[in-house]
C-alpha atoms as a PDB file:
ATOM      1  CA  UNK A   1      -1.362  60.997 123.503  1.00  0.00           C
ATOM      2  CA  UNK A   2      -0.750  61.366 127.351  1.00  0.00           C
ATOM      3  CA  UNK A   3      -0.153  64.045 129.791  1.00  0.00           C
ATOM      4  CA  UNK A   4       3.264  64.559 128.808  1.00  0.00           C
ATOM      5  CA  UNK A   5       2.289  65.933 125.395  1.00  0.00           C
ATOM      6  CA  UNK A   6       0.390  68.481 127.221  1.00  0.00           C
ATOM      7  CA  UNK A   7       2.992  69.272 129.335  1.00  0.00           C
ATOM      8  CA  UNK A   8       5.125  69.695 126.147  1.00  0.00           C
ATOM      9  CA  UNK A   9       2.675  71.932 124.979  1.00  0.00           C
ATOM     10  CA  UNK A  10       2.662  74.244 128.181  1.00  0.00           C
ATOM     11  CA  UNK A  11       6.535  74.279 128.107  1.00  0.00           C
ATOM     12  CA  UNK A  12       6.514  75.341 124.531  1.00  0.00           C
ATOM     13  CA  UNK A  13       4.009  78.080 124.781  1.00  0.00           C
ATOM     14  CA  UNK A  14       6.610  79.381 127.543  1.00  0.00           C
ATOM     15  CA  UNK A  15       9.308  79.173 125.430  1.00  0.00           C
ATOM     16  CA  UNK A  16       7.957  81.094 122.938  1.00  0.00           C
ATOM     17  CA  UNK A  17       7.317  83.956 124.682  1.00  0.00           C
ATOM     18  CA  UNK A  18      10.255  83.957 126.212  1.00  0.00           C
ATOM     19  CA  UNK A  19      11.956  84.098 122.393  1.00  0.00           C
ATOM     20  CA  UNK A  20       9.702  86.532 121.028  1.00  0.00           C
ATOM     21  CA  UNK A  21      10.496  88.694 124.012  1.00  0.00           C
ATOM     22  CA  UNK A  22      14.078  88.662 123.345  1.00  0.00           C
ATOM     23  CA  UNK A  23      13.624  88.114 119.253  1.00  0.00           C
ATOM     24  CA  UNK A  24      15.767  84.926 119.286  1.00  0.00           C
ATOM     25  CA  UNK A  25      15.182  81.232 118.962  1.00  0.00           C
ATOM     26  CA  UNK A  26      16.079  80.198 122.488  1.00  0.00           C
ATOM     27  CA  UNK A  27      17.563  76.890 123.394  1.00  0.00           C
ATOM     28  CA  UNK A  28      14.505  75.616 125.265  1.00  0.00           C
ATOM     29  CA  UNK A  29      12.145  76.263 122.231  1.00  0.00           C
ATOM     30  CA  UNK A  30      14.923  74.785 120.011  1.00  0.00           C
ATOM     31  CA  UNK A  31      14.836  71.757 122.007  1.00  0.00           C
ATOM     32  CA  UNK A  32      11.111  71.299 122.383  1.00  0.00           C
ATOM     33  CA  UNK A  33      10.381  71.538 118.617  1.00  0.00           C
ATOM     34  CA  UNK A  34      11.450  68.966 116.075  1.00  0.00           C
ATOM     35  CA  UNK A  35      14.021  70.448 113.681  1.00  0.00           C
ATOM     36  CA  UNK A  36      11.570  69.709 110.880  1.00  0.00           C
ATOM     37  CA  UNK A  37       8.657  71.447 112.519  1.00  0.00           C
ATOM     38  CA  UNK A  38       6.027  72.685 110.489  1.00  0.00           C
ATOM     39  CA  UNK A  39       4.030  75.967 111.686  1.00  0.00           C
ATOM     40  CA  UNK A  40       0.856  76.877 109.630  1.00  0.00           C
ATOM     41  CA  UNK A  41      -0.054  80.453 110.478  1.00  0.00           C
ATOM     42  CA  UNK A  42      -2.173  80.785 107.027  1.00  0.00           C
ATOM     43  CA  UNK A  43      -5.098  80.976 108.933  1.00  0.00           C
ATOM     44  CA  UNK A  44      -4.278  84.297 111.059  1.00  0.00           C
ATOM     45  CA  UNK A  45      -5.574  87.360 110.268  1.00  0.00           C
ATOM     46  CA  UNK A  46      -1.990  89.255 111.042  1.00  0.00           C
ATOM     47  CA  UNK A  47       0.779  88.254 108.992  1.00  0.00           C
ATOM     48  CA  UNK A  48      -0.361  84.896 107.370  1.00  0.00           C
ATOM     49  CA  UNK A  49       2.433  82.655 106.844  1.00  0.00           C
ATOM     50  CA  UNK A  50       3.793  79.099 107.040  1.00  0.00           C
ATOM     51  CA  UNK A  51       7.083  78.348 108.808  1.00  0.00           C
ATOM     52  CA  UNK A  52       9.368  75.261 108.539  1.00  0.00           C
ATOM     53  CA  UNK A  53      12.086  73.899 110.355  1.00  0.00           C
ATOM     54  CA  UNK A  54      13.928  75.690 113.046  1.00  0.00           C
ATOM     55  CA  UNK A  55      15.019  78.502 110.743  1.00  0.00           C
ATOM     56  CA  UNK A  56      11.339  79.147 110.069  1.00  0.00           C
ATOM     57  CA  UNK A  57      10.802  79.016 113.996  1.00  0.00           C
ATOM     58  CA  UNK A  58      13.781  81.680 114.212  1.00  0.00           C
ATOM     59  CA  UNK A  59      12.120  83.623 111.367  1.00  0.00           C
ATOM     60  CA  UNK A  60       8.710  83.617 113.417  1.00  0.00           C
ATOM     61  CA  UNK A  61      10.130  84.762 116.600  1.00  0.00           C
ATOM     62  CA  UNK A  62      11.988  87.996 114.619  1.00  0.00           C
ATOM     63  CA  UNK A  63       8.546  88.690 113.237  1.00  0.00           C
ATOM     64  CA  UNK A  64       6.517  88.646 116.551  1.00  0.00           C
ATOM     65  CA  UNK A  65       9.518  90.592 118.702  1.00  0.00           C
ATOM     66  CA  UNK A  66       9.481  92.954 115.567  1.00  0.00           C
ATOM     67  CA  UNK A  67       5.868  93.604 115.429  1.00  0.00           C
ATOM     68  CA  UNK A  68       4.987  93.701 119.087  1.00  0.00           C
ATOM     69  CA  UNK A  69       5.964  96.564 121.929  1.00  0.00           C
ATOM     70  CA  UNK A  70       4.307  94.818 124.381  1.00  0.00           C
ATOM     71  CA  UNK A  71       2.708  91.457 124.188  1.00  0.00           C
ATOM     72  CA  UNK A  72       1.264  88.826 126.592  1.00  0.00           C
ATOM     73  CA  UNK A  73      -0.485  85.636 126.334  1.00  0.00           C
ATOM     74  CA  UNK A  74      -2.984  83.928 128.769  1.00  0.00           C
ATOM     75  CA  UNK A  75      -3.480  79.813 128.323  1.00  0.00           C
ATOM     76  CA  UNK A  76      -7.212  79.233 128.789  1.00  0.00           C
ATOM     77  CA  UNK A  77      -7.556  76.115 128.006  1.00  0.00           C
ATOM     78  CA  UNK A  78      -5.530  72.938 127.221  1.00  0.00           C
ATOM     79  CA  UNK A  79      -7.097  69.812 125.793  1.00  0.00           C
ATOM     80  CA  UNK A  80      -5.629  66.316 125.285  1.00  0.00           C
ATOM     81  CA  UNK A  81      -6.850  65.196 121.679  1.00  0.00           C
ATOM     82  CA  UNK A  82      -5.355  61.723 121.642  1.00  0.00           C
ATOM     83  CA  UNK A  83      -2.674  62.281 118.869  1.00  0.00           C
ATOM     84  CA  UNK A  84      -2.704  66.166 119.112  1.00  0.00           C
ATOM     85  CA  UNK A  85      -3.181  68.760 121.959  1.00  0.00           C
ATOM     86  CA  UNK A  86      -5.859  71.766 121.575  1.00  0.00           C
ATOM     87  CA  UNK A  87      -4.466  75.086 123.444  1.00  0.00           C
ATOM     88  CA  UNK A  88      -6.893  77.942 123.562  1.00  0.00           C
ATOM     89  CA  UNK A  89      -5.398  81.392 124.470  1.00  0.00           C
ATOM     90  CA  UNK A  90      -5.929  85.149 124.683  1.00  0.00           C
ATOM     91  CA  UNK A  91      -3.202  87.361 123.286  1.00  0.00           C
ATOM     92  CA  UNK A  92      -3.111  90.844 123.565  1.00  0.00           C
ATOM     93  CA  UNK A  93      -0.732  93.207 122.656  1.00  0.00           C
ATOM     94  CA  UNK A  94       0.488  97.061 121.576  1.00  0.00           C
ATOM     95  CA  UNK A  95       1.849  97.027 118.248  1.00  0.00           C
ATOM     96  CA  UNK A  96       5.289  98.481 117.785  1.00  0.00           C
ATOM     97  CA  UNK A  97       5.020 100.747 114.595  1.00  0.00           C
ATOM     98  CA  UNK A  98       1.059 101.499 115.072  1.00  0.00           C
ATOM     99  CA  UNK A  99       0.956 101.992 118.735  1.00  0.00           C
ATOM    100  CA  UNK A 100      -2.267 100.339 118.570  1.00  0.00           C
ATOM    101  CA  UNK A 101      -3.528  97.801 121.559  1.00  0.00           C
ATOM    102  CA  UNK A 102      -5.122  94.495 120.112  1.00  0.00           C
ATOM    103  CA  UNK A 103      -6.442  91.578 121.762  1.00  0.00           C
ATOM    104  CA  UNK A 104      -7.905  88.045 120.417  1.00  0.00           C
ATOM    105  CA  UNK A 105      -8.913  84.855 121.528  1.00  0.00           C
ATOM    106  CA  UNK A 106      -7.296  82.505 119.355  1.00  0.00           C
ATOM    107  CA  UNK A 107      -6.649  78.635 119.264  1.00  0.00           C
ATOM    108  CA  UNK A 108      -3.707  76.133 118.166  1.00  0.00           C
ATOM    109  CA  UNK A 109      -3.675  72.670 117.406  1.00  0.00           C
ATOM    110  CA  UNK A 110      -0.275  70.878 117.917  1.00  0.00           C
ATOM    111  CA  UNK A 111       1.055  67.459 117.198  1.00  0.00           C
ATOM    112  CA  UNK A 112       3.720  66.229 119.497  1.00  0.00           C
ATOM    113  CA  UNK A 113       5.732  62.958 118.469  1.00  0.00           C
ATOM    114  CA  UNK A 114       8.558  61.498 121.167  1.00  0.00           C
ATOM    115  CA  UNK A 115       8.315  64.594 123.231  1.00  0.00           C
ATOM    116  CA  UNK A 116       8.815  67.034 120.618  1.00  0.00           C
ATOM    117  CA  UNK A 117       6.628  69.252 118.624  1.00  0.00           C
ATOM    118  CA  UNK A 118       6.465  68.458 114.942  1.00  0.00           C
ATOM    119  CA  UNK A 119       3.237  70.497 113.728  1.00  0.00           C
ATOM    120  CA  UNK A 120       1.465  73.710 115.070  1.00  0.00           C
ATOM    121  CA  UNK A 121      -1.813  74.652 113.084  1.00  0.00           C
ATOM    122  CA  UNK A 122      -2.752  78.410 114.103  1.00  0.00           C
ATOM    123  CA  UNK A 123      -6.230  79.611 113.938  1.00  0.00           C
ATOM    124  CA  UNK A 124      -6.991  83.313 114.274  1.00  0.00           C
ATOM    125  CA  UNK A 125     -10.222  82.216 115.969  1.00  0.00           C
ATOM    126  CA  UNK A 126     -10.662  80.172 118.966  1.00  0.00           C
ATOM    127  CA  UNK A 127     -13.870  78.372 117.837  1.00  0.00           C
ATOM    128  CA  UNK A 128     -12.673  77.786 114.629  1.00  0.00           C
ATOM    129  CA  UNK A 129      -9.746  75.729 116.388  1.00  0.00           C
ATOM    130  CA  UNK A 130     -12.236  73.918 118.359  1.00  0.00           C
ATOM    131  CA  UNK A 131     -14.106  72.769 115.675  1.00  0.00           C
ATOM    132  CA  UNK A 132     -11.025  71.748 113.813  1.00  0.00           C
ATOM    133  CA  UNK A 133     -10.616  69.272 116.747  1.00  0.00           C
ATOM    134  CA  UNK A 134     -13.740  67.980 116.359  1.00  0.00           C
ATOM    135  CA  UNK A 135     -15.128  69.205 119.625  1.00  0.00           C
ATOM    136  CA  UNK A 136     -18.212  71.541 120.494  1.00  0.00           C
ATOM    137  CA  UNK A 137     -17.332  74.953 121.155  1.00  0.00           C
ATOM    138  CA  UNK A 138     -20.018  75.713 123.946  1.00  0.00           C
ATOM    139  CA  UNK A 139     -20.303  78.556 125.952  1.00  0.00           C
ATOM    140  CA  UNK A 140     -17.330  81.038 125.133  1.00  0.00           C
END
């Protein structure tokens, strides 16, 4: 793993936000992700699910767009794990249907091969992601 994989993850996070805003899988996100990408969101509190391939990503993007009237994302930490990348983020949003404001700190473990994201594990809790990555969470 290298700085290149960390850069791919940072670009993918930005592209995912852009895709979610417009409700469609953008060309930039499609190019950053392997056609057989596997996104395991089964640990999420809201809408736990698994998404496979570009079709699955397109479904995830639509779901994000449909769920959030407003959505923001701030990356707190990105860690090169050797064969994977850990990202810790804070998300905030207002539900489109409920109008309720929510916020959470979460974590993702990304696998990048040949410059493309092949797998994403989504954790509803940042400390859970940190532990899954084999790191100490330390102070939050």
